[in-house]
Amino acid sequence: MNYILKNSRVYSVDTGEFSDRDLYITDGRISDRAGPESLTMDLSGKFIYPGFVDSHAHLIGTGLEKMAVDLRNCRSMEDLRSRLQIESHLVRARGWDQETLGFLPERRILDRITSQPAVLVRRCGHVATVNSAVIDRFSLEALDGLDETDIETGVIKERALERLNSIVKLAPEEVEEAIRRGSVEFLKYGVTCVHSDDLHGMELETLVESLKRIDNIRVFEKIAVERPDQLSMVSMARNGETRFFKVIAAKIYLDGSLGARTAAMKEPYSDSPRETGVLYMDCETLKSIVERADREGIQLCIHVIGDRSLEEALKAFHGSRALELKHRLIHVQIASPEEIHRIADLGLTASIQPVFFDSDAHIAPGRFGEARIKNAYPFRQMRDAGIRMALSTDSPVESPSVLPNLVSADRFFQRRDSLEMYTKAGYCLANREERGSLLPGDEADFFVSSVNLLDGMGEAESEITFVDGKIVYHTANRQLYTK
């Protein structure tokens, strides 16, 4: 289907301005004239934006959250009990926060609430609690002690949680449904491309076979690895690439999350002096992965939240092909001025989540303490140092909605710069051709909105989203079509 979108205001990332013009879509691309048998849509002055790129999220995890029991904003024992009263062979729930809930939903509490096997994942995705039924059914005693996991209390952390996900595998049909639901969640906010990290709780073959069938959103997949030899999985996964599914990098976790106090810190947490977080590997182990990735031309994306994990990453990348391959840091929630300059000198890029500044506001001062908080969320300083960055939500940790992230980013950047980091920069960090102005020849990935995102503060759901020139999402009962 070809289209003519009349009376629209088209945003250009290159100029940072709107232009009043008609937009022509022919054979899946923007064209300079109407194609044959084009369908005309009168947008009545609505805004058209190039599709957003979420540079770090979890497509399947976003869908799974919609399939699980929602524990966000759960604030009491009674509330928790009522939400978990469902019939299932395995109760999956996500979203609890001990600060909001008022207590840790550990094993003894869950045993009183339900006798059905139950896994409750914290909102950050780095810690979970389980009841006795899960421990007994899946013989989880062997996980005790791994990354501070405590089976007696039913608290499963970091790599132990990853092992649990491998034991309690997702069925192929669950993966398919999660992709379907996750895609809708991104597309309704105008996100047409996701840098995703999904190799959790399934085999690589299952993941690739599922992602091969995607035809409504572009997925730049990062394959999670822990050892140098696992980099071969990147090449294996690339055999399944399609027009919509590309494998762009390997993902490595160096630490956990701030909320779970598993982000690796040089000094103890200010609100828990006995904890310094979890470091997955030291710089020497990481360097062995970096060296092989450099030889094979594979981009690395490194999860770093704490200052100790950042330090280990910077030492491991010394002398690497970071500038050429655009090796990337994910999160960077704390960095000193000296570390920021090292990131820039190494040529590393970064995927950042400005929305974390607001969602962590109730815990960050306590976690970091008065001295360290001055170096937290150093996004403006990183941009000033010339570090190429792209915006992301880490969904389902945060909503995939773009506007809360843009509003949070206003603390650090001009809105025009944020829009560039939500579009062109997302392609740049994937080592792809940068685009963001909807010019003739560009892929027709864009969305229509009533909100002016240069100054908009309202809800910014897409009214209609195009990918590859096809309508892949539209709000119900909108009469946009005319002959």
Protein backbone atom coordinates (compact mmCIF):
# COMPACT_ATOMS: atom_id res chain seq x y z
CA MET A 1 0.00 0.00 0.00
CA ASN A 2 1.26 3.49 -0.91
CA TYR A 3 0.21 6.59 1.01
CA ILE A 4 -0.06 10.36 0.80
CA LEU A 5 -0.12 12.07 4.20
CA LYS A 6 -1.48 15.55 3.63
CA ASN A 7 -1.49 18.62 5.88
CA SER A 8 1.21 17.32 8.20
CA ARG A 9 4.01 18.95 10.15
CA VAL A 10 7.10 16.81 9.64
CA TYR A 11 9.93 16.97 12.18
CA SER A 12 13.54 16.93 11.00
CA VAL A 13 16.17 15.78 13.45
CA ASP A 14 18.82 17.46 11.30
CA THR A 15 17.30 20.94 11.52
CA GLY A 16 15.41 20.55 14.79
CA GLU A 17 12.38 22.10 13.17
CA PHE A 18 9.03 21.22 11.62
CA SER A 19 8.16 21.73 7.99
CA ASP A 20 4.63 21.92 6.64
CA ARG A 21 4.61 19.37 3.84
CA ASP A 22 2.90 16.32 2.48
CA LEU A 23 4.63 13.01 3.03
CA TYR A 24 4.67 10.36 0.30
CA ILE A 25 5.25 6.68 1.04
CA THR A 26 5.94 4.40 -1.90
CA ASP A 27 7.00 0.76 -1.65
CA GLY A 28 7.98 1.10 1.99
CA ARG A 29 10.09 4.25 1.63
CA ILE A 30 9.72 7.99 1.72
CA SER A 31 9.44 9.32 -1.85
CA ASP A 32 9.33 12.73 -3.52
CA ARG A 33 6.06 12.11 -5.33
CA ALA A 34 2.90 10.09 -4.97
CA GLY A 35 3.11 6.43 -5.91
CA PRO A 36 0.49 4.54 -7.89
CA GLU A 37 -2.86 3.92 -6.19
CA SER A 38 -1.89 5.87 -3.09
CA LEU A 39 -4.29 6.17 -0.20
CA THR A 40 -4.63 9.75 1.02
CA MET A 41 -4.76 10.55 4.74
CA ASP A 42 -5.57 14.09 5.87
CA LEU A 43 -3.71 14.69 9.15
CA SER A 44 -5.18 18.16 9.74
CA GLY A 45 -1.92 19.66 10.99
CA LYS A 46 -0.83 16.76 13.20
CA PHE A 47 2.87 16.13 13.80
CA ILE A 48 4.95 13.44 12.10
CA TYR A 49 8.15 12.25 13.78
CA PRO A 50 10.78 9.78 12.62
CA GLY A 51 10.41 6.51 14.51
CA PHE A 52 12.10 6.52 17.89
CA VAL A 53 14.93 4.11 18.68
CA ASP A 54 15.10 2.72 22.22
CA SER A 55 18.82 2.00 22.47
CA HIS A 56 18.53 -0.41 25.39
CA ALA A 57 15.45 -2.38 26.41
CA HIS A 58 14.06 -5.89 26.63
CA LEU A 59 11.39 -6.59 24.05
CA ILE A 60 10.44 -10.01 25.40
CA GLY A 61 10.74 -8.83 28.99
CA THR A 62 8.37 -5.97 28.20
CA GLY A 63 5.83 -8.44 26.84
CA LEU A 64 6.32 -10.85 29.72
CA GLU A 65 5.56 -8.08 32.18
CA LYS A 66 2.15 -7.72 30.55
CA MET A 67 1.63 -11.48 30.95
CA ALA A 68 2.71 -11.53 34.61
CA VAL A 69 1.01 -10.34 37.79
CA ASP A 70 1.64 -6.60 38.05
CA LEU A 71 3.20 -5.65 41.39
CA ARG A 72 4.04 -2.03 40.57
CA ASN A 73 2.73 0.31 43.26
CA CYS A 74 1.90 -2.63 45.51
CA ARG A 75 1.87 -1.00 48.95
CA SER A 76 0.74 -3.48 51.59
CA MET A 77 0.53 -7.11 52.62
CA GLU A 78 -3.19 -7.13 51.81
CA ASP A 79 -2.55 -5.67 48.37
CA LEU A 80 0.14 -8.28 47.68
CA ARG A 81 -2.10 -11.09 48.84
CA SER A 82 -4.99 -10.02 46.61
CA ARG A 83 -2.78 -9.69 43.52
CA LEU A 84 -1.29 -13.17 43.96
CA GLN A 85 -4.64 -14.95 44.30
CA ILE A 86 -4.64 -16.50 40.83
CA GLU A 87 -4.70 -20.08 39.61
CA SER A 88 -1.54 -21.04 37.76
CA HIS A 89 0.97 -23.88 37.66
CA LEU A 90 3.59 -21.15 38.16
CA VAL A 91 2.72 -17.65 39.36
CA ARG A 92 5.00 -15.13 37.67
CA ALA A 93 4.91 -11.59 39.06
CA ARG A 94 7.04 -8.50 38.54
CA GLY A 95 7.36 -4.94 39.74
CA TRP A 96 7.66 -4.96 43.53
CA ASP A 97 9.85 -2.41 45.26
CA GLN A 98 10.66 -2.93 48.91
CA GLU A 99 10.65 0.83 49.56
CA THR A 100 7.11 1.13 48.18
CA LEU A 101 5.84 -2.17 49.55
CA GLY A 102 7.27 -1.51 53.01
CA PHE A 103 8.86 -4.95 53.39
CA LEU A 104 10.78 -7.60 51.47
CA PRO A 105 8.33 -10.22 50.12
CA GLU A 106 10.54 -13.12 51.16
CA ARG A 107 9.88 -16.86 51.37
CA ARG A 108 8.13 -17.02 54.75
CA ILE A 109 5.71 -14.28 53.71
CA LEU A 110 4.97 -15.84 50.33
CA ASP A 111 4.39 -19.24 51.93
CA ARG A 112 1.58 -17.70 53.98
CA ILE A 113 0.04 -16.06 50.89
CA THR A 114 0.06 -18.90 48.36
CA SER A 115 0.91 -22.59 48.15
CA GLN A 116 1.28 -22.38 44.38
CA PRO A 117 4.84 -22.01 43.03
CA ALA A 118 5.50 -18.27 42.83
CA VAL A 119 8.38 -16.17 41.47
CA LEU A 120 8.25 -12.44 42.23
CA VAL A 121 10.80 -10.34 40.31
CA ARG A 122 11.73 -6.91 41.60
CA ARG A 123 11.05 -3.99 39.25
CA CYS A 124 14.76 -3.77 38.32
CA GLY A 125 14.89 -7.41 37.19
CA HIS A 126 18.04 -8.14 39.21
CA VAL A 127 16.53 -9.84 42.26
CA ALA A 128 13.52 -12.06 42.88
CA THR A 129 11.86 -13.77 45.79
CA VAL A 130 10.36 -17.26 45.68
CA ASN A 131 8.27 -19.44 47.96
CA SER A 132 8.99 -22.95 49.23
CA ALA A 133 6.91 -24.52 46.46
CA VAL A 134 9.32 -23.16 43.82
CA ILE A 135 12.40 -24.16 45.79
CA ASP A 136 11.12 -27.70 46.28
CA ARG A 137 9.76 -28.15 42.77
CA PHE A 138 12.93 -27.00 41.01
CA SER A 139 15.53 -28.06 43.64
CA LEU A 140 17.05 -24.59 43.97
CA GLU A 141 19.30 -25.32 46.94
CA ALA A 142 22.34 -25.35 44.63
CA LEU A 143 21.85 -21.63 44.00
CA ASP A 144 22.44 -20.75 47.65
CA GLY A 145 25.33 -18.31 48.09
CA LEU A 146 25.66 -17.36 44.41
CA ASP A 147 25.76 -13.55 44.22
CA GLU A 148 24.44 -13.33 47.80
CA THR A 149 21.44 -15.55 47.06
CA ASP A 150 19.83 -16.84 50.24
CA ILE A 151 17.62 -19.87 49.68
CA GLU A 152 16.52 -19.91 53.31
CA THR A 153 14.83 -16.53 52.85
CA GLY A 154 13.97 -17.22 49.20
CA VAL A 155 15.93 -14.21 47.87
CA ILE A 156 17.47 -14.94 44.46
CA LYS A 157 19.98 -12.43 43.07
CA GLU A 158 21.81 -11.68 39.83
CA ARG A 159 23.40 -14.76 38.19
CA ALA A 160 21.41 -17.06 40.45
CA LEU A 161 18.24 -15.47 39.05
CA GLU A 162 19.59 -16.06 35.55
CA ARG A 163 20.10 -19.73 36.46
CA LEU A 164 16.54 -19.87 37.78
CA ASN A 165 15.26 -18.45 34.49
CA SER A 166 17.16 -21.19 32.68
CA ILE A 167 15.53 -23.83 34.86
CA VAL A 168 12.03 -22.38 34.60
CA LYS A 169 12.23 -22.00 30.83
CA LEU A 170 9.72 -20.14 28.74
CA ALA A 171 7.73 -22.23 26.29
CA PRO A 172 8.06 -21.19 22.61
CA GLU A 173 4.44 -20.04 22.58
CA GLU A 174 5.13 -17.84 25.63
CA VAL A 175 8.05 -16.25 23.80
CA GLU A 176 5.86 -15.59 20.75
CA GLU A 177 3.14 -14.00 22.87
CA ALA A 178 5.69 -11.89 24.75
CA ILE A 179 7.09 -10.56 21.46
CA ARG A 180 3.60 -9.71 20.25
CA ARG A 181 2.67 -7.86 23.41
CA GLY A 182 6.06 -6.20 23.75
CA SER A 183 5.96 -4.90 20.18
CA VAL A 184 2.61 -3.23 20.79
CA GLU A 185 3.93 -1.55 23.92
CA PHE A 186 6.76 0.09 21.98
CA LEU A 187 4.84 0.86 18.79
CA LYS A 188 2.08 2.71 20.62
CA TYR A 189 4.68 5.26 21.73
CA GLY A 190 6.21 5.64 18.27
CA VAL A 191 9.23 3.43 18.99
CA THR A 192 9.89 1.64 15.71
CA CYS A 193 13.29 0.16 16.59
CA VAL A 194 14.51 -1.48 19.81
CA HIS A 195 18.06 -2.44 20.80
CA SER A 196 16.94 -5.50 22.73
CA ASP A 197 18.51 -7.94 25.20
CA ASP A 198 16.40 -11.11 25.30
CA LEU A 199 18.54 -14.23 25.74
CA HIS A 200 17.18 -15.04 29.18
CA GLY A 201 15.19 -18.14 30.12
CA MET A 202 15.39 -19.75 26.67
CA GLU A 203 17.74 -21.39 24.22
CA LEU A 204 19.43 -19.32 21.52
CA GLU A 205 17.63 -21.30 18.82
CA THR A 206 14.24 -20.53 20.38
CA LEU A 207 15.07 -16.84 20.55
CA VAL A 208 16.29 -16.62 16.94
CA GLU A 209 13.38 -18.60 15.54
CA SER A 210 10.95 -16.28 17.31
CA LEU A 211 12.69 -13.05 16.30
CA LYS A 212 12.89 -14.22 12.67
CA ARG A 213 9.11 -13.95 12.44
CA ILE A 214 8.94 -10.27 13.44
CA ASP A 215 7.62 -8.01 10.68
CA ASN A 216 6.18 -5.00 12.53
CA ILE A 217 9.12 -3.51 14.47
CA ARG A 218 12.89 -3.41 13.94
CA VAL A 219 14.90 -5.33 16.53
CA PHE A 220 18.64 -4.81 17.02
CA GLU A 221 19.44 -7.77 19.25
CA LYS A 222 22.28 -8.00 21.78
CA ILE A 223 23.29 -11.55 22.72
CA ALA A 224 24.15 -11.95 26.42
CA VAL A 225 27.48 -13.70 27.02
CA GLU A 226 29.67 -14.47 30.03
CA ARG A 227 32.80 -15.96 28.43
CA PRO A 228 34.94 -15.36 25.32
CA ASP A 229 33.87 -18.63 23.67
CA GLN A 230 30.21 -17.59 23.89
CA LEU A 231 30.86 -14.82 21.36
CA SER A 232 30.36 -17.52 18.74
CA MET A 233 26.64 -17.24 19.55
CA VAL A 234 26.62 -13.84 17.87
CA SER A 235 27.66 -15.36 14.56
CA MET A 236 25.19 -18.22 15.02
CA ALA A 237 22.34 -15.80 15.68
CA ARG A 238 23.25 -13.71 12.64
CA ASN A 239 22.38 -16.66 10.42
CA GLY A 240 18.74 -15.94 11.23
CA GLU A 241 18.77 -12.22 10.44
CA THR A 242 15.95 -10.67 8.43
CA ARG A 243 15.03 -7.16 7.30
CA PHE A 244 13.51 -6.53 10.73
CA PHE A 245 15.84 -8.55 12.97
CA LYS A 246 19.57 -7.82 13.18
CA VAL A 247 22.19 -9.00 15.68
CA ILE A 248 24.35 -6.00 16.47
CA ALA A 249 26.35 -6.81 19.60
CA ALA A 250 27.18 -9.01 22.56
CA LYS A 251 25.87 -7.94 25.97
CA ILE A 252 27.88 -8.40 29.17
CA TYR A 253 26.64 -7.78 32.70
CA LEU A 254 29.28 -6.42 35.06
CA ASP A 255 27.01 -5.71 38.02
CA GLY A 256 23.41 -5.40 39.17
CA SER A 257 21.06 -2.56 40.06
CA LEU A 258 20.99 0.37 42.44
CA GLY A 259 17.56 -0.54 43.83
CA ALA A 260 18.65 -4.06 44.74
CA ARG A 261 22.01 -2.80 46.07
CA THR A 262 23.75 -5.17 43.66
CA ALA A 263 25.42 -2.44 41.56
CA ALA A 264 29.13 -2.87 42.31
CA MET A 265 30.48 0.06 44.35
CA LYS A 266 34.03 0.90 45.37
CA GLU A 267 32.82 1.81 48.85
CA PRO A 268 29.86 0.39 50.80
CA TYR A 269 26.35 1.67 50.23
CA SER A 270 25.67 4.64 52.47
CA ASP A 271 22.36 3.15 53.61
CA SER A 272 23.75 -0.37 54.06
CA PRO A 273 27.41 -0.29 55.15
CA ARG A 274 27.88 -4.06 54.85
CA GLU A 275 26.99 -4.14 51.15
CA THR A 276 29.13 -3.16 48.16
CA GLY A 277 27.13 -4.89 45.43
CA VAL A 278 27.94 -7.73 43.05
CA LEU A 279 30.76 -7.65 40.51
CA TYR A 280 30.28 -10.30 37.85
CA MET A 281 33.88 -10.33 36.65
CA ASP A 282 37.11 -8.36 37.06
CA CYS A 283 38.89 -6.42 34.34
CA GLU A 284 41.18 -9.30 33.34
CA THR A 285 38.26 -11.63 32.66
CA LEU A 286 36.42 -8.91 30.77
CA LYS A 287 39.56 -8.03 28.82
CA SER A 288 39.75 -11.57 27.46
CA ILE A 289 36.26 -11.07 26.04
CA VAL A 290 37.16 -7.62 24.70
CA GLU A 291 40.24 -8.96 22.92
CA ARG A 292 38.30 -11.70 21.16
CA ALA A 293 35.48 -9.31 20.27
CA ASP A 294 38.05 -6.93 18.79
CA ARG A 295 39.54 -9.72 16.68
CA GLU A 296 36.14 -10.79 15.39
CA GLY A 297 34.73 -7.29 14.91
CA ILE A 298 31.91 -7.69 17.44
CA GLN A 299 30.54 -4.71 19.31
CA LEU A 300 30.29 -5.12 23.08
CA CYS A 301 27.62 -3.54 25.28
CA ILE A 302 28.59 -3.53 28.95
CA HIS A 303 26.06 -3.14 31.78
CA VAL A 304 27.69 -0.84 34.34
CA ILE A 305 25.80 0.97 37.09
CA GLY A 306 28.19 1.18 40.04
CA ASP A 307 31.51 3.02 40.09
CA ARG A 308 33.52 -0.17 40.66
CA SER A 309 32.06 -1.92 37.63
CA LEU A 310 32.76 1.20 35.55
CA GLU A 311 36.38 1.20 36.69
CA GLU A 312 36.82 -2.47 35.74
CA ALA A 313 35.27 -1.79 32.32
CA LEU A 314 37.52 1.18 31.60
CA LYS A 315 40.63 -0.84 32.43
CA ALA A 316 39.45 -3.72 30.23
CA PHE A 317 38.79 -1.46 27.23
CA HIS A 318 42.22 0.18 27.35
CA GLY A 319 43.83 -0.31 23.93
CA SER A 320 40.69 -1.81 22.36
CA ARG A 321 38.92 -1.04 19.07
CA ALA A 322 36.25 0.90 20.96
CA LEU A 323 36.21 3.89 18.63
CA GLU A 324 35.89 1.72 15.51
CA LEU A 325 33.35 -0.79 16.84
CA LYS A 326 31.51 1.71 19.06
CA HIS A 327 31.83 -0.48 22.14
CA ARG A 328 29.15 0.75 24.49
CA LEU A 329 28.47 1.30 28.17
CA ILE A 330 24.89 0.75 29.33
CA HIS A 331 23.52 2.91 32.19
CA VAL A 332 26.59 4.72 33.71
CA GLN A 333 24.68 5.99 36.73
CA ILE A 334 27.78 7.30 38.47
CA ALA A 335 31.11 8.51 37.08
CA SER A 336 33.74 10.93 38.29
CA PRO A 337 35.06 13.72 36.02
CA GLU A 338 38.25 11.72 35.54
CA GLU A 339 36.29 8.60 34.53
CA ILE A 340 34.18 10.63 32.10
CA HIS A 341 37.33 11.84 30.37
CA ARG A 342 38.59 8.25 30.16
CA ILE A 343 35.31 7.14 28.57
CA ALA A 344 35.72 9.89 25.98
CA ASP A 345 39.41 9.16 25.37
CA LEU A 346 38.68 5.46 24.82
CA GLY A 347 36.00 6.31 22.23
CA LEU A 348 33.27 4.46 24.11
CA THR A 349 29.60 5.26 23.48
CA ALA A 350 26.75 5.02 25.98
CA SER A 351 23.06 4.16 26.27
CA ILE A 352 21.57 6.18 29.10
CA GLN A 353 18.19 6.37 30.85
CA PRO A 354 17.48 9.94 32.07
CA VAL A 355 14.16 8.70 33.50
CA PHE A 356 16.16 6.81 36.15
CA PHE A 357 17.00 10.18 37.69
CA ASP A 358 13.35 10.60 38.65
CA SER A 359 12.42 6.99 39.38
CA ASP A 360 15.49 6.60 41.63
CA ALA A 361 14.96 9.93 43.40
CA HIS A 362 13.58 8.24 46.54
CA ILE A 363 16.56 5.89 46.90
CA ALA A 364 19.62 7.42 45.17
CA PRO A 365 20.61 9.90 47.92
CA GLY A 366 20.54 7.12 50.49
CA ARG A 367 22.34 4.60 48.31
CA PHE A 368 25.11 6.92 47.12
CA GLY A 369 25.48 9.25 50.09
CA GLU A 370 26.23 12.96 50.12
CA ALA A 371 29.67 12.77 48.52
CA ARG A 372 28.99 10.29 45.74
CA ILE A 373 25.63 11.71 44.68
CA LYS A 374 27.53 14.65 43.15
CA ASN A 375 28.88 12.25 40.51
CA ALA A 376 25.59 10.45 39.91
CA TYR A 377 23.63 10.70 36.64
CA PRO A 378 26.51 12.57 34.91
CA PHE A 379 24.78 12.73 31.53
CA ARG A 380 25.33 16.41 30.78
CA GLN A 381 29.01 16.12 31.64
CA MET A 382 29.31 13.07 29.40
CA ARG A 383 27.78 14.93 26.46
CA ASP A 384 30.00 17.94 27.10
CA ALA A 385 32.99 15.58 26.95
CA GLY A 386 31.97 14.51 23.44
CA ILE A 387 30.69 11.03 24.32
CA ARG A 388 28.11 9.84 21.77
CA MET A 389 25.00 8.80 23.64
CA ALA A 390 21.56 7.48 22.82
CA LEU A 391 18.45 7.46 25.00
CA SER A 392 16.71 4.35 26.25
CA THR A 393 14.18 3.21 28.85
CA ASP A 394 15.45 -0.25 29.87
CA SER A 395 11.81 -1.34 29.58
CA PRO A 396 10.27 -3.13 31.45
CA VAL A 397 12.30 -1.52 34.24
CA GLU A 398 10.65 1.70 33.09
CA SER A 399 7.72 2.26 30.76
CA PRO A 400 8.65 2.30 27.05
CA SER A 401 6.83 5.66 26.83
CA VAL A 402 9.14 8.28 25.33
CA LEU A 403 7.70 11.40 26.95
CA PRO A 404 8.64 10.70 30.62
CA ASN A 405 12.17 9.99 29.41
CA LEU A 406 12.25 13.22 27.39
CA VAL A 407 10.93 15.25 30.33
CA SER A 408 13.61 13.75 32.60
CA ALA A 409 16.21 14.43 29.92
CA ASP A 410 15.26 18.12 29.98
CA ARG A 411 17.36 18.36 33.14
CA PHE A 412 20.45 17.48 31.13
CA PHE A 413 19.87 18.45 27.49
CA GLN A 414 17.98 20.71 25.15
CA ARG A 415 14.86 18.96 23.84
CA ARG A 416 16.16 19.03 20.25
CA ASP A 417 19.32 17.23 21.38
CA SER A 418 17.24 14.64 23.22
CA LEU A 419 15.18 13.97 20.09
CA GLU A 420 18.41 13.41 18.17
CA MET A 421 19.57 10.98 20.85
CA TYR A 422 16.24 9.15 20.56
CA THR A 423 16.52 8.73 16.78
CA LYS A 424 19.74 9.18 14.78
CA ALA A 425 22.02 8.29 17.68
CA GLY A 426 20.22 4.97 18.10
CA TYR A 427 21.26 3.98 14.59
CA CYS A 428 24.76 5.37 15.08
CA LEU A 429 25.37 3.25 18.17
CA ALA A 430 24.25 0.19 16.21
CA ASN A 431 26.81 0.98 13.52
CA ARG A 432 24.00 1.64 11.06
CA GLU A 433 23.35 4.50 8.67
CA GLU A 434 22.00 7.43 10.65
CA ARG A 435 18.63 8.81 9.67
CA GLY A 436 15.98 10.93 11.25
CA SER A 437 14.58 13.51 8.84
CA LEU A 438 12.22 11.43 6.67
CA LEU A 439 13.85 12.32 3.39
CA PRO A 440 13.24 10.61 0.03
CA GLY A 441 14.86 7.18 0.05
CA ASP A 442 14.59 6.72 3.82
CA GLU A 443 12.72 3.74 5.20
CA ALA A 444 9.19 4.83 6.07
CA ASP A 445 9.45 4.35 9.84
CA PHE A 446 7.57 7.14 11.60
CA PHE A 447 4.58 8.02 13.76
CA VAL A 448 1.79 10.57 13.92
CA SER A 449 1.01 12.48 17.11
CA SER A 450 -1.06 15.46 18.21
CA VAL A 451 1.71 16.49 20.61
CA ASN A 452 4.49 18.94 19.78
CA LEU A 453 7.42 17.14 21.36
CA LEU A 454 9.60 20.24 21.25
CA ASP A 455 7.60 21.56 24.17
CA GLY A 456 4.88 18.97 24.78
CA MET A 457 4.15 17.78 28.28
CA GLY A 458 0.97 15.78 27.63
CA GLU A 459 0.49 12.13 26.81
CA ALA A 460 2.50 11.28 23.69
CA GLU A 461 1.04 8.02 22.50
CA SER A 462 1.22 7.55 18.77
CA GLU A 463 -2.02 7.89 16.86
CA ILE A 464 -0.64 5.88 13.98
CA THR A 465 2.73 4.18 13.58
CA PHE A 466 4.33 3.12 10.31
CA VAL A 467 7.18 0.63 9.93
CA ASP A 468 8.54 -0.16 6.49
CA GLY A 469 5.69 1.84 5.01
CA LYS A 470 3.01 -0.28 6.68
CA ILE A 471 0.58 0.72 9.40
CA VAL A 472 1.60 -1.40 12.38
CA TYR A 473 -0.28 0.45 15.11
CA HIS A 474 -3.21 2.85 15.22
CA THR A 475 -5.59 4.03 17.87
CA ALA A 476 -9.08 2.64 17.71
CA ASN A 477 -11.87 4.23 15.70
CA ARG A 478 -9.82 7.02 14.13
CA GLN A 479 -11.15 8.14 10.76
CA LEU A 480 -7.92 9.19 9.08
CA TYR A 481 -8.50 7.60 5.69
CA THR A 482 -9.94 9.29 2.61
CA LYS A 483 -10.03 8.22 -0.98
